[in-house]
N, C-alpha and C. Protein backbone atom coordinates (compact mmCIF):
# COMPACT_ATOMS: atom_id res chain seq x y z
N UNK A 1 0.83 -1.16 0.00
CA UNK A 1 0.00 0.00 0.00
C UNK A 1 0.89 1.24 0.00
N UNK A 2 0.61 2.15 -0.87
CA UNK A 2 1.39 3.36 -0.93
C UNK A 2 0.86 4.40 0.03
N UNK A 3 1.72 5.31 0.42
CA UNK A 3 1.33 6.42 1.28
C UNK A 3 1.38 7.69 0.47
N UNK A 4 0.44 8.56 0.72
CA UNK A 4 0.41 9.86 0.09
C UNK A 4 0.75 10.90 1.14
N UNK A 5 1.74 11.72 0.89
CA UNK A 5 2.12 12.74 1.85
C UNK A 5 1.39 14.03 1.49
N UNK A 6 0.64 14.54 2.44
CA UNK A 6 -0.07 15.79 2.28
C UNK A 6 0.54 16.79 3.25
N UNK A 7 0.97 17.92 2.73
CA UNK A 7 1.69 18.93 3.52
C UNK A 7 2.93 18.27 4.09
N UNK A 8 3.27 18.58 5.32
CA UNK A 8 4.49 18.01 5.89
C UNK A 8 4.23 16.97 6.95
N UNK A 9 3.06 16.98 7.53
CA UNK A 9 2.85 16.13 8.69
C UNK A 9 1.69 15.16 8.57
N UNK A 10 0.93 15.21 7.50
CA UNK A 10 -0.28 14.40 7.41
C UNK A 10 -0.11 13.34 6.34
N UNK A 11 -0.20 12.09 6.74
CA UNK A 11 -0.12 10.98 5.80
C UNK A 11 -1.38 10.14 5.91
N UNK A 12 -1.81 9.62 4.78
CA UNK A 12 -2.94 8.70 4.76
C UNK A 12 -2.55 7.47 3.97
N UNK A 13 -3.14 6.38 4.31
CA UNK A 13 -2.96 5.16 3.52
C UNK A 13 -3.81 5.26 2.27
N UNK A 14 -3.27 4.82 1.14
CA UNK A 14 -4.07 4.79 -0.09
C UNK A 14 -4.81 3.46 -0.12
N UNK A 15 -5.84 3.37 0.71
CA UNK A 15 -6.58 2.13 0.89
C UNK A 15 -7.87 2.09 0.10
N UNK A 16 -7.85 2.57 -1.13
CA UNK A 16 -9.03 2.47 -1.98
C UNK A 16 -9.00 1.09 -2.63
N UNK A 17 -10.02 0.31 -2.37
CA UNK A 17 -10.09 -1.04 -2.93
C UNK A 17 -11.12 -1.05 -4.06
N UNK A 18 -10.71 -1.52 -5.22
CA UNK A 18 -11.57 -1.63 -6.38
C UNK A 18 -11.50 -3.07 -6.86
N UNK A 19 -12.64 -3.75 -6.92
CA UNK A 19 -12.66 -5.15 -7.34
C UNK A 19 -14.02 -5.49 -7.92
N UNK A 20 -14.19 -6.53 -8.69
CA UNK A 20 -13.16 -7.44 -9.19
C UNK A 20 -12.37 -6.81 -10.33
N UNK A 21 -11.19 -7.30 -10.51
CA UNK A 21 -10.35 -6.89 -11.64
C UNK A 21 -9.97 -8.16 -12.37
N UNK A 22 -10.32 -8.30 -13.62
CA UNK A 22 -11.08 -7.37 -14.45
C UNK A 22 -12.57 -7.44 -14.14
N UNK A 23 -13.28 -6.39 -14.53
CA UNK A 23 -14.72 -6.29 -14.30
C UNK A 23 -15.47 -6.45 -15.62
N UNK A 24 -16.69 -6.92 -15.52
CA UNK A 24 -17.54 -7.01 -16.71
C UNK A 24 -18.83 -6.22 -16.54
N UNK A 25 -19.51 -6.41 -15.42
CA UNK A 25 -20.80 -5.76 -15.20
C UNK A 25 -20.78 -4.69 -14.11
N UNK A 26 -20.01 -4.90 -13.05
CA UNK A 26 -19.97 -3.95 -11.94
C UNK A 26 -18.64 -4.06 -11.22
N UNK A 27 -18.34 -3.02 -10.42
CA UNK A 27 -17.19 -3.04 -9.52
C UNK A 27 -17.68 -2.66 -8.13
N UNK A 28 -16.94 -3.10 -7.15
CA UNK A 28 -17.13 -2.65 -5.77
C UNK A 28 -15.99 -1.70 -5.47
N UNK A 29 -16.31 -0.60 -4.78
CA UNK A 29 -15.30 0.37 -4.36
C UNK A 29 -15.45 0.51 -2.85
N UNK A 30 -14.35 0.32 -2.12
CA UNK A 30 -14.34 0.45 -0.66
C UNK A 30 -13.24 1.42 -0.26
N UNK A 31 -13.52 2.21 0.79
CA UNK A 31 -12.52 3.16 1.27
C UNK A 31 -12.50 3.12 2.80
N UNK A 32 -11.43 3.68 3.41
CA UNK A 32 -11.27 3.61 4.87
C UNK A 32 -12.45 4.24 5.62
N UNK A 33 -12.77 3.66 6.77
CA UNK A 33 -13.91 4.13 7.56
C UNK A 33 -13.66 5.49 8.19
N UNK A 34 -12.41 5.93 8.26
CA UNK A 34 -12.16 7.25 8.86
C UNK A 34 -12.43 8.39 7.89
N UNK A 35 -12.80 8.08 6.66
CA UNK A 35 -13.20 9.12 5.71
C UNK A 35 -14.71 9.25 5.79
N UNK A 36 -15.17 10.33 6.42
CA UNK A 36 -16.61 10.49 6.58
C UNK A 36 -17.10 11.85 6.11
N UNK A 37 -16.26 12.57 5.38
CA UNK A 37 -16.69 13.83 4.77
C UNK A 37 -17.57 13.52 3.56
N UNK A 38 -18.15 14.56 2.99
CA UNK A 38 -18.78 14.40 1.68
C UNK A 38 -17.68 13.94 0.73
N UNK A 39 -17.99 12.98 -0.08
CA UNK A 39 -17.00 12.30 -0.90
C UNK A 39 -17.44 12.31 -2.35
N UNK A 40 -16.49 12.59 -3.25
CA UNK A 40 -16.77 12.52 -4.68
C UNK A 40 -16.03 11.33 -5.26
N UNK A 41 -16.74 10.49 -5.98
CA UNK A 41 -16.13 9.36 -6.68
C UNK A 41 -16.14 9.69 -8.17
N UNK A 42 -14.96 9.64 -8.78
CA UNK A 42 -14.81 9.98 -10.20
C UNK A 42 -14.10 8.83 -10.90
N UNK A 43 -14.51 8.53 -12.12
CA UNK A 43 -13.84 7.54 -12.95
C UNK A 43 -13.35 8.26 -14.20
N UNK A 44 -12.04 8.13 -14.48
CA UNK A 44 -11.42 8.73 -15.65
C UNK A 44 -10.91 7.64 -16.58
N UNK A 45 -10.98 7.90 -17.90
CA UNK A 45 -10.37 6.96 -18.83
C UNK A 45 -8.88 7.29 -18.97
N UNK A 46 -8.17 6.56 -19.82
CA UNK A 46 -6.72 6.75 -19.94
C UNK A 46 -6.34 8.07 -20.59
N UNK A 47 -7.30 8.76 -21.19
CA UNK A 47 -7.05 10.08 -21.75
C UNK A 47 -7.37 11.19 -20.76
N UNK A 48 -7.81 10.82 -19.56
CA UNK A 48 -8.14 11.79 -18.54
C UNK A 48 -9.54 12.35 -18.65
N UNK A 49 -10.37 11.76 -19.50
CA UNK A 49 -11.75 12.23 -19.65
C UNK A 49 -12.63 11.61 -18.57
N UNK A 50 -13.48 12.45 -17.99
CA UNK A 50 -14.38 12.00 -16.94
C UNK A 50 -15.48 11.13 -17.55
N UNK A 51 -15.56 9.89 -17.09
CA UNK A 51 -16.55 8.93 -17.56
C UNK A 51 -17.75 8.88 -16.62
N UNK A 52 -17.48 9.06 -15.34
CA UNK A 52 -18.52 8.94 -14.33
C UNK A 52 -18.13 9.78 -13.13
N UNK A 53 -19.11 10.41 -12.47
CA UNK A 53 -18.85 11.13 -11.22
C UNK A 53 -20.12 11.17 -10.39
N UNK A 54 -19.94 10.98 -9.09
CA UNK A 54 -21.07 11.03 -8.18
C UNK A 54 -20.59 11.63 -6.85
N UNK A 55 -21.42 12.48 -6.26
CA UNK A 55 -21.16 13.03 -4.94
C UNK A 55 -21.93 12.21 -3.93
N UNK A 56 -21.21 11.65 -2.97
CA UNK A 56 -21.83 10.83 -1.93
C UNK A 56 -21.81 11.60 -0.63
N UNK A 57 -22.96 11.92 -0.09
CA UNK A 57 -23.00 12.57 1.22
C UNK A 57 -22.75 11.51 2.29
N UNK A 58 -22.51 11.97 3.48
CA UNK A 58 -22.22 11.05 4.58
C UNK A 58 -23.36 10.03 4.77
N UNK A 59 -24.60 10.47 4.59
CA UNK A 59 -25.73 9.57 4.80
C UNK A 59 -25.92 8.59 3.66
N UNK A 60 -25.37 8.91 2.47
CA UNK A 60 -25.53 8.01 1.33
C UNK A 60 -24.48 6.90 1.31
N UNK A 61 -23.40 7.08 2.04
CA UNK A 61 -22.32 6.11 2.01
C UNK A 61 -22.76 4.86 2.77
N UNK A 62 -22.72 3.74 2.11
CA UNK A 62 -23.15 2.47 2.68
C UNK A 62 -21.95 1.78 3.31
N UNK A 63 -21.62 2.17 4.53
CA UNK A 63 -20.50 1.54 5.20
C UNK A 63 -19.18 1.76 4.49
N UNK A 64 -19.04 2.90 3.83
CA UNK A 64 -17.81 3.26 3.12
C UNK A 64 -17.52 2.33 1.95
N UNK A 65 -18.58 1.98 1.25
CA UNK A 65 -18.42 1.18 0.05
C UNK A 65 -19.58 1.46 -0.89
N UNK A 66 -19.38 1.16 -2.14
CA UNK A 66 -20.46 1.30 -3.12
C UNK A 66 -20.24 0.31 -4.25
N UNK A 67 -21.29 0.05 -4.98
CA UNK A 67 -21.23 -0.78 -6.18
C UNK A 67 -21.52 0.13 -7.36
N UNK A 68 -20.70 0.01 -8.39
CA UNK A 68 -20.85 0.84 -9.59
C UNK A 68 -21.04 -0.07 -10.79
N UNK A 69 -22.12 0.13 -11.53
CA UNK A 69 -22.37 -0.66 -12.73
C UNK A 69 -21.52 -0.12 -13.87
N UNK A 70 -20.73 -0.99 -14.49
CA UNK A 70 -19.79 -0.58 -15.55
C UNK A 70 -20.07 -1.31 -16.86
N UNK A 71 -21.20 -1.96 -16.96
CA UNK A 71 -21.52 -2.75 -18.16
C UNK A 71 -21.41 -1.91 -19.43
N UNK A 72 -21.81 -0.64 -19.37
CA UNK A 72 -21.80 0.21 -20.57
C UNK A 72 -20.46 0.91 -20.81
N UNK A 73 -19.48 0.71 -19.93
CA UNK A 73 -18.15 1.29 -20.15
C UNK A 73 -17.45 0.51 -21.26
N UNK A 74 -16.67 1.20 -22.07
CA UNK A 74 -15.85 0.53 -23.08
C UNK A 74 -14.75 -0.27 -22.39
N UNK A 75 -14.28 -1.33 -23.03
CA UNK A 75 -13.18 -2.11 -22.48
C UNK A 75 -11.93 -1.26 -22.34
N UNK A 76 -11.19 -1.43 -21.25
CA UNK A 76 -9.96 -0.68 -21.07
C UNK A 76 -9.63 -0.48 -19.61
N UNK A 77 -8.66 0.39 -19.36
CA UNK A 77 -8.17 0.69 -18.02
C UNK A 77 -8.72 2.05 -17.60
N UNK A 78 -9.15 2.15 -16.36
CA UNK A 78 -9.72 3.37 -15.83
C UNK A 78 -9.08 3.71 -14.48
N UNK A 79 -9.04 4.99 -14.17
CA UNK A 79 -8.57 5.47 -12.88
C UNK A 79 -9.79 5.83 -12.05
N UNK A 80 -9.86 5.30 -10.83
CA UNK A 80 -10.95 5.58 -9.91
C UNK A 80 -10.39 6.50 -8.83
N UNK A 81 -11.03 7.64 -8.62
CA UNK A 81 -10.55 8.64 -7.66
C UNK A 81 -11.64 8.93 -6.64
N UNK A 82 -11.29 8.83 -5.37
CA UNK A 82 -12.18 9.19 -4.29
C UNK A 82 -11.60 10.44 -3.64
N UNK A 83 -12.37 11.53 -3.63
CA UNK A 83 -11.84 12.81 -3.16
C UNK A 83 -12.75 13.39 -2.09
N UNK A 84 -12.12 13.90 -1.01
CA UNK A 84 -12.83 14.64 0.03
C UNK A 84 -12.19 16.03 0.11
N UNK A 85 -12.64 16.80 1.07
CA UNK A 85 -12.04 18.13 1.27
C UNK A 85 -10.60 18.03 1.75
N UNK A 86 -10.23 16.91 2.35
CA UNK A 86 -8.91 16.78 2.96
C UNK A 86 -7.97 15.83 2.23
N UNK A 87 -8.47 14.96 1.39
CA UNK A 87 -7.60 13.95 0.81
C UNK A 87 -8.19 13.39 -0.48
N UNK A 88 -7.37 12.59 -1.17
CA UNK A 88 -7.89 11.81 -2.28
C UNK A 88 -7.16 10.49 -2.32
N UNK A 89 -7.90 9.46 -2.76
CA UNK A 89 -7.38 8.11 -2.92
C UNK A 89 -7.59 7.69 -4.35
N UNK A 90 -6.71 6.85 -4.85
CA UNK A 90 -6.83 6.40 -6.23
C UNK A 90 -6.79 4.88 -6.30
N UNK A 91 -7.41 4.36 -7.34
CA UNK A 91 -7.39 2.94 -7.62
C UNK A 91 -7.53 2.74 -9.11
N UNK A 92 -7.31 1.52 -9.55
CA UNK A 92 -7.38 1.19 -10.97
C UNK A 92 -8.48 0.19 -11.21
N UNK A 93 -9.16 0.34 -12.35
CA UNK A 93 -10.19 -0.60 -12.76
C UNK A 93 -9.88 -1.05 -14.18
N UNK A 94 -10.05 -2.33 -14.44
CA UNK A 94 -9.91 -2.88 -15.79
C UNK A 94 -11.25 -3.43 -16.20
N UNK A 95 -11.78 -2.95 -17.31
CA UNK A 95 -13.08 -3.39 -17.82
C UNK A 95 -12.86 -4.24 -19.06
N UNK A 96 -13.42 -5.44 -19.08
CA UNK A 96 -13.32 -6.32 -20.25
C UNK A 96 -14.38 -5.97 -21.26
């Protein structure tokens, strides 16, 4: 697991879990339970174009995980980004 250094004194684990890899119909995305701010989940393709984005409020987060249907995504590699006011986590998704 990689660490992301924010400023000089704050480190977070990059514990964004994206599975299954490869995916065909859906993926599960899980993030650490200590992230409880409003959270934005974004999926980018390899050209950096936004394919999907959703804002999850604290009450919408289902135990710090979600399921995303990817059946209509083109085959390829995608970057999954979870961003809050204080941090961001990244993961990779492969769609068949």
